[in-house]
Amino acid sequence: MAPTAETVIGTIPGAETVNVAAGDPAAGKEIFTTTAQPACSSCHTYGPAGSTATVGPNLDTALKGKDAEFILESIVNPSAEVAAGFQDIMPKEYGTTLDQKQLADLVAFLQPKS
């Protein structure tokens, strides 16, 4: 018998649901610029954060048209989709080093504004 969601006991790391709608963009900015280690701003350009680093993709353009789920996946599983022209070097630990509230805040900050 193959395991199913009903027969497996335990949790899969990083699979917890993050309530991105409850995120606080102001707190997310602090996470982007300071709290996350290394800080997201140390690698990415993102206008709302005042960051201009070029190690990773420019998030002003890379996140255009992307939804909260894509942004969250990019943070907790950055190898899932690597931007063209960039290496897969983003830290893989943010899903475990940032708690669920911090992830929600960070996603709220990174969501493109209409």
N, C-alpha and C. Protein backbone atom coordinates (compact mmCIF):
# COMPACT_ATOMS: atom_id res chain seq x y z
N MET A 1 0.85 -1.17 0.00
CA MET A 1 0.00 0.00 0.00
C MET A 1 0.90 1.24 0.00
N ALA A 2 0.61 2.17 -0.88
CA ALA A 2 1.37 3.41 -0.95
C ALA A 2 0.88 4.38 0.11
N PRO A 3 1.79 5.18 0.66
CA PRO A 3 1.34 6.15 1.67
C PRO A 3 0.48 7.23 1.04
N THR A 4 -0.50 7.67 1.79
CA THR A 4 -1.35 8.78 1.37
C THR A 4 -1.31 9.83 2.46
N ALA A 5 -1.86 10.98 2.18
CA ALA A 5 -1.88 12.04 3.18
C ALA A 5 -2.56 11.58 4.47
N GLU A 6 -3.51 10.66 4.34
CA GLU A 6 -4.24 10.19 5.50
C GLU A 6 -3.46 9.15 6.32
N THR A 7 -2.47 8.48 5.68
CA THR A 7 -1.76 7.42 6.38
C THR A 7 -0.38 7.81 6.87
N VAL A 8 0.13 8.94 6.44
CA VAL A 8 1.46 9.38 6.86
C VAL A 8 1.33 10.20 8.14
N ILE A 9 2.15 9.85 9.12
CA ILE A 9 2.15 10.58 10.39
C ILE A 9 3.37 11.46 10.44
N GLY A 10 3.18 12.71 10.83
CA GLY A 10 4.30 13.65 10.92
C GLY A 10 4.07 14.82 9.99
N THR A 11 5.10 15.63 9.86
CA THR A 11 4.99 16.80 9.00
C THR A 11 6.17 16.85 8.05
N ILE A 12 5.98 17.53 6.98
CA ILE A 12 7.04 17.76 6.01
C ILE A 12 7.57 19.16 6.27
N PRO A 13 8.88 19.30 6.56
CA PRO A 13 9.44 20.62 6.83
C PRO A 13 9.11 21.60 5.71
N GLY A 14 8.71 22.81 6.07
CA GLY A 14 8.41 23.84 5.10
C GLY A 14 7.04 23.73 4.46
N ALA A 15 6.28 22.68 4.79
CA ALA A 15 4.98 22.50 4.16
C ALA A 15 3.85 23.19 4.91
N GLU A 16 4.17 23.79 6.05
CA GLU A 16 3.13 24.48 6.81
C GLU A 16 2.55 25.62 5.97
N THR A 17 1.30 25.90 6.19
CA THR A 17 0.64 26.96 5.44
C THR A 17 0.96 28.32 6.04
N VAL A 18 1.42 29.21 5.21
CA VAL A 18 1.71 30.57 5.63
C VAL A 18 0.52 31.42 5.22
N ASN A 19 -0.05 32.15 6.16
CA ASN A 19 -1.18 33.02 5.86
C ASN A 19 -0.65 34.34 5.31
N VAL A 20 -0.38 34.35 4.00
CA VAL A 20 0.23 35.52 3.39
C VAL A 20 -0.68 36.75 3.46
N ALA A 21 -1.98 36.53 3.55
CA ALA A 21 -2.91 37.67 3.63
C ALA A 21 -2.76 38.42 4.94
N ALA A 22 -2.20 37.76 5.97
CA ALA A 22 -2.03 38.40 7.28
C ALA A 22 -0.69 39.10 7.43
N GLY A 23 0.08 39.14 6.36
CA GLY A 23 1.42 39.75 6.44
C GLY A 23 1.40 41.25 6.60
N ASP A 24 2.42 41.76 7.27
CA ASP A 24 2.60 43.18 7.50
C ASP A 24 3.77 43.67 6.65
N PRO A 25 3.49 44.45 5.58
CA PRO A 25 4.57 44.90 4.70
C PRO A 25 5.69 45.67 5.41
N ALA A 26 5.35 46.48 6.42
CA ALA A 26 6.39 47.25 7.14
C ALA A 26 7.34 46.30 7.87
N ALA A 27 6.79 45.27 8.50
CA ALA A 27 7.63 44.28 9.16
C ALA A 27 8.42 43.50 8.12
N GLY A 28 7.82 43.25 6.97
CA GLY A 28 8.50 42.55 5.89
C GLY A 28 9.70 43.30 5.37
N LYS A 29 9.61 44.61 5.33
CA LYS A 29 10.75 45.42 4.89
C LYS A 29 11.93 45.23 5.84
N GLU A 30 11.65 45.19 7.14
CA GLU A 30 12.70 44.98 8.14
C GLU A 30 13.34 43.60 7.96
N ILE A 31 12.54 42.61 7.65
CA ILE A 31 13.06 41.26 7.41
C ILE A 31 13.94 41.26 6.16
N PHE A 32 13.48 41.92 5.11
CA PHE A 32 14.20 41.98 3.84
C PHE A 32 15.56 42.66 4.00
N THR A 33 15.58 43.74 4.78
CA THR A 33 16.80 44.54 4.88
C THR A 33 17.71 44.17 6.04
N THR A 34 17.18 43.52 7.08
CA THR A 34 17.98 43.29 8.29
C THR A 34 17.85 41.89 8.87
N THR A 35 16.64 41.43 9.13
CA THR A 35 16.41 40.22 9.91
C THR A 35 16.90 38.95 9.23
N ALA A 36 16.51 38.75 7.97
CA ALA A 36 16.94 37.55 7.25
C ALA A 36 18.45 37.57 7.14
N GLN A 37 19.05 36.42 7.35
CA GLN A 37 20.51 36.34 7.26
C GLN A 37 20.93 35.27 6.27
N PRO A 38 21.60 35.64 5.19
CA PRO A 38 21.95 37.00 4.85
C PRO A 38 20.70 37.81 4.46
N ALA A 39 20.80 39.10 4.65
CA ALA A 39 19.68 39.97 4.31
C ALA A 39 19.38 39.89 2.82
N CYS A 40 18.11 39.84 2.46
CA CYS A 40 17.71 39.78 1.06
C CYS A 40 18.29 40.96 0.27
N SER A 41 18.34 42.11 0.93
CA SER A 41 18.84 43.32 0.28
C SER A 41 20.32 43.25 -0.05
N SER A 42 21.04 42.29 0.52
CA SER A 42 22.46 42.16 0.22
C SER A 42 22.68 41.52 -1.15
N CYS A 43 21.63 40.94 -1.73
CA CYS A 43 21.76 40.29 -3.05
C CYS A 43 20.82 40.84 -4.11
N HIS A 44 19.70 41.42 -3.70
CA HIS A 44 18.67 41.84 -4.66
C HIS A 44 18.48 43.35 -4.70
N THR A 45 18.22 43.85 -5.91
CA THR A 45 17.71 45.20 -6.09
C THR A 45 16.21 45.14 -5.85
N TYR A 46 15.72 46.05 -5.04
CA TYR A 46 14.27 46.17 -4.83
C TYR A 46 14.00 47.59 -4.38
N GLY A 47 13.34 48.37 -5.22
CA GLY A 47 13.08 49.78 -4.96
C GLY A 47 12.50 50.09 -3.61
N PRO A 48 11.41 49.41 -3.19
CA PRO A 48 10.81 49.73 -1.89
C PRO A 48 11.75 49.53 -0.70
N ALA A 49 12.81 48.73 -0.89
CA ALA A 49 13.78 48.51 0.19
C ALA A 49 14.99 49.43 0.05
N GLY A 50 15.07 50.12 -1.07
CA GLY A 50 16.24 50.97 -1.31
C GLY A 50 17.50 50.17 -1.58
N SER A 51 17.35 48.92 -2.00
CA SER A 51 18.52 48.08 -2.25
C SER A 51 18.87 48.05 -3.74
N THR A 52 20.17 47.93 -4.01
CA THR A 52 20.64 47.96 -5.39
C THR A 52 21.64 46.85 -5.70
N ALA A 53 21.65 45.78 -4.92
CA ALA A 53 22.59 44.68 -5.14
C ALA A 53 22.24 43.93 -6.42
N THR A 54 23.22 43.31 -7.03
CA THR A 54 23.00 42.64 -8.32
C THR A 54 23.42 41.17 -8.33
N VAL A 55 23.64 40.56 -7.17
CA VAL A 55 23.99 39.14 -7.11
C VAL A 55 22.79 38.30 -7.56
N GLY A 56 21.60 38.68 -7.11
CA GLY A 56 20.36 38.00 -7.48
C GLY A 56 19.54 38.87 -8.41
N PRO A 57 18.43 38.34 -8.89
CA PRO A 57 17.57 39.09 -9.81
C PRO A 57 17.03 40.39 -9.20
N ASN A 58 16.78 41.35 -10.06
CA ASN A 58 16.13 42.60 -9.68
C ASN A 58 14.67 42.27 -9.40
N LEU A 59 14.27 42.38 -8.16
CA LEU A 59 12.91 41.98 -7.79
C LEU A 59 11.85 42.95 -8.28
N ASP A 60 12.24 44.18 -8.61
CA ASP A 60 11.27 45.12 -9.18
C ASP A 60 10.70 44.57 -10.48
N THR A 61 11.51 43.85 -11.25
CA THR A 61 11.03 43.28 -12.50
C THR A 61 10.70 41.79 -12.37
N ALA A 62 11.49 41.05 -11.60
CA ALA A 62 11.29 39.59 -11.49
C ALA A 62 9.96 39.23 -10.85
N LEU A 63 9.43 40.08 -9.97
CA LEU A 63 8.18 39.77 -9.29
C LEU A 63 6.96 40.36 -9.96
N LYS A 64 7.17 41.14 -11.02
CA LYS A 64 6.05 41.76 -11.73
C LYS A 64 5.11 40.67 -12.24
N GLY A 65 3.85 40.74 -11.87
CA GLY A 65 2.84 39.78 -12.31
C GLY A 65 2.83 38.47 -11.52
N LYS A 66 3.65 38.37 -10.48
CA LYS A 66 3.72 37.14 -9.69
C LYS A 66 2.81 37.25 -8.48
N ASP A 67 2.22 36.12 -8.08
CA ASP A 67 1.31 36.12 -6.93
C ASP A 67 2.05 35.74 -5.65
N ALA A 68 1.33 35.82 -4.54
CA ALA A 68 1.92 35.56 -3.23
C ALA A 68 2.47 34.14 -3.12
N GLU A 69 1.78 33.18 -3.71
CA GLU A 69 2.23 31.80 -3.63
C GLU A 69 3.58 31.62 -4.34
N PHE A 70 3.74 32.27 -5.50
CA PHE A 70 5.01 32.20 -6.21
C PHE A 70 6.13 32.82 -5.38
N ILE A 71 5.85 33.96 -4.77
CA ILE A 71 6.85 34.65 -3.97
C ILE A 71 7.26 33.77 -2.78
N LEU A 72 6.28 33.19 -2.09
CA LEU A 72 6.59 32.33 -0.95
C LEU A 72 7.43 31.14 -1.40
N GLU A 73 7.04 30.49 -2.48
CA GLU A 73 7.81 29.34 -2.99
C GLU A 73 9.24 29.76 -3.33
N SER A 74 9.40 30.94 -3.88
CA SER A 74 10.73 31.43 -4.23
C SER A 74 11.61 31.64 -3.01
N ILE A 75 10.99 31.93 -1.87
CA ILE A 75 11.73 32.15 -0.63
C ILE A 75 12.07 30.81 0.04
N VAL A 76 11.09 29.94 0.18
CA VAL A 76 11.30 28.70 0.94
C VAL A 76 11.88 27.57 0.09
N ASN A 77 11.73 27.64 -1.21
CA ASN A 77 12.27 26.62 -2.12
C ASN A 77 12.85 27.32 -3.35
N PRO A 78 13.92 28.08 -3.17
CA PRO A 78 14.44 28.91 -4.26
C PRO A 78 14.94 28.13 -5.47
N SER A 79 15.20 26.86 -5.32
CA SER A 79 15.66 26.05 -6.46
C SER A 79 14.52 25.65 -7.38
N ALA A 80 13.28 25.85 -6.95
CA ALA A 80 12.12 25.45 -7.75
C ALA A 80 12.12 26.16 -9.10
N GLU A 81 12.49 27.42 -9.12
CA GLU A 81 12.56 28.18 -10.37
C GLU A 81 13.64 29.24 -10.21
N VAL A 82 14.71 29.09 -10.98
CA VAL A 82 15.83 30.01 -10.91
C VAL A 82 15.72 30.97 -12.09
N ALA A 83 15.81 32.27 -11.83
CA ALA A 83 15.70 33.27 -12.88
C ALA A 83 16.80 33.09 -13.92
N ALA A 84 16.42 33.27 -15.17
CA ALA A 84 17.38 33.13 -16.27
C ALA A 84 18.56 34.06 -16.05
N GLY A 85 19.76 33.54 -16.28
CA GLY A 85 20.97 34.34 -16.16
C GLY A 85 21.56 34.35 -14.76
N PHE A 86 20.94 33.64 -13.81
CA PHE A 86 21.42 33.60 -12.42
C PHE A 86 21.69 32.17 -12.01
N GLN A 87 22.66 32.00 -11.12
CA GLN A 87 22.97 30.68 -10.58
C GLN A 87 22.05 30.39 -9.39
N ASP A 88 21.93 29.12 -9.07
CA ASP A 88 21.10 28.67 -7.95
C ASP A 88 21.89 28.78 -6.64
N ILE A 89 22.08 30.03 -6.18
CA ILE A 89 22.90 30.25 -4.98
C ILE A 89 22.12 30.87 -3.83
N MET A 90 20.83 31.10 -4.02
CA MET A 90 20.05 31.69 -2.93
C MET A 90 20.01 30.73 -1.74
N PRO A 91 20.17 31.25 -0.53
CA PRO A 91 20.12 30.38 0.65
C PRO A 91 18.81 29.59 0.69
N LYS A 92 18.92 28.34 1.10
CA LYS A 92 17.77 27.44 1.13
C LYS A 92 17.12 27.38 2.51
N GLU A 93 17.66 28.09 3.49
CA GLU A 93 17.23 27.96 4.88
C GLU A 93 16.12 28.92 5.31
N TYR A 94 15.74 29.87 4.48
CA TYR A 94 14.76 30.86 4.93
C TYR A 94 13.45 30.23 5.41
N GLY A 95 13.07 29.10 4.83
CA GLY A 95 11.84 28.41 5.24
C GLY A 95 11.91 27.87 6.65
N THR A 96 13.12 27.70 7.17
CA THR A 96 13.27 27.20 8.54
C THR A 96 13.82 28.25 9.49
N THR A 97 14.56 29.23 8.99
CA THR A 97 15.12 30.25 9.88
C THR A 97 14.15 31.41 10.12
N LEU A 98 13.19 31.57 9.23
CA LEU A 98 12.14 32.57 9.42
C LEU A 98 10.87 31.84 9.84
N ASP A 99 10.16 32.39 10.82
CA ASP A 99 8.92 31.73 11.25
C ASP A 99 7.78 32.09 10.28
N GLN A 100 6.62 31.49 10.51
CA GLN A 100 5.49 31.67 9.61
C GLN A 100 5.04 33.12 9.50
N LYS A 101 5.04 33.84 10.61
CA LYS A 101 4.66 35.26 10.59
C LYS A 101 5.68 36.07 9.79
N GLN A 102 6.96 35.80 10.00
CA GLN A 102 8.00 36.52 9.26
C GLN A 102 7.89 36.25 7.76
N LEU A 103 7.62 35.01 7.39
CA LEU A 103 7.44 34.69 5.97
C LEU A 103 6.24 35.43 5.40
N ALA A 104 5.14 35.47 6.14
CA ALA A 104 3.95 36.20 5.68
C ALA A 104 4.26 37.69 5.52
N ASP A 105 5.00 38.25 6.48
CA ASP A 105 5.37 39.67 6.40
C ASP A 105 6.25 39.93 5.19
N LEU A 106 7.22 39.06 4.96
CA LEU A 106 8.14 39.23 3.84
C LEU A 106 7.39 39.15 2.50
N VAL A 107 6.49 38.19 2.40
CA VAL A 107 5.69 38.08 1.16
C VAL A 107 4.84 39.33 0.97
N ALA A 108 4.24 39.82 2.04
CA ALA A 108 3.41 41.04 1.93
C ALA A 108 4.24 42.22 1.43
N PHE A 109 5.47 42.32 1.90
CA PHE A 109 6.35 43.40 1.44
C PHE A 109 6.74 43.24 -0.02
N LEU A 110 6.92 42.01 -0.46
CA LEU A 110 7.40 41.76 -1.82
C LEU A 110 6.31 41.70 -2.88
N GLN A 111 5.04 41.65 -2.46
CA GLN A 111 3.97 41.59 -3.45
C GLN A 111 3.94 42.88 -4.26
N PRO A 112 3.93 42.73 -5.58
CA PRO A 112 3.87 43.92 -6.42
C PRO A 112 2.64 44.76 -6.12
N LYS A 113 2.85 46.04 -6.06
CA LYS A 113 1.74 46.96 -5.79
C LYS A 113 1.05 47.30 -7.09
N SER A 114 -0.26 47.35 -7.07
CA SER A 114 -1.04 47.65 -8.28
C SER A 114 -0.88 49.07 -8.72
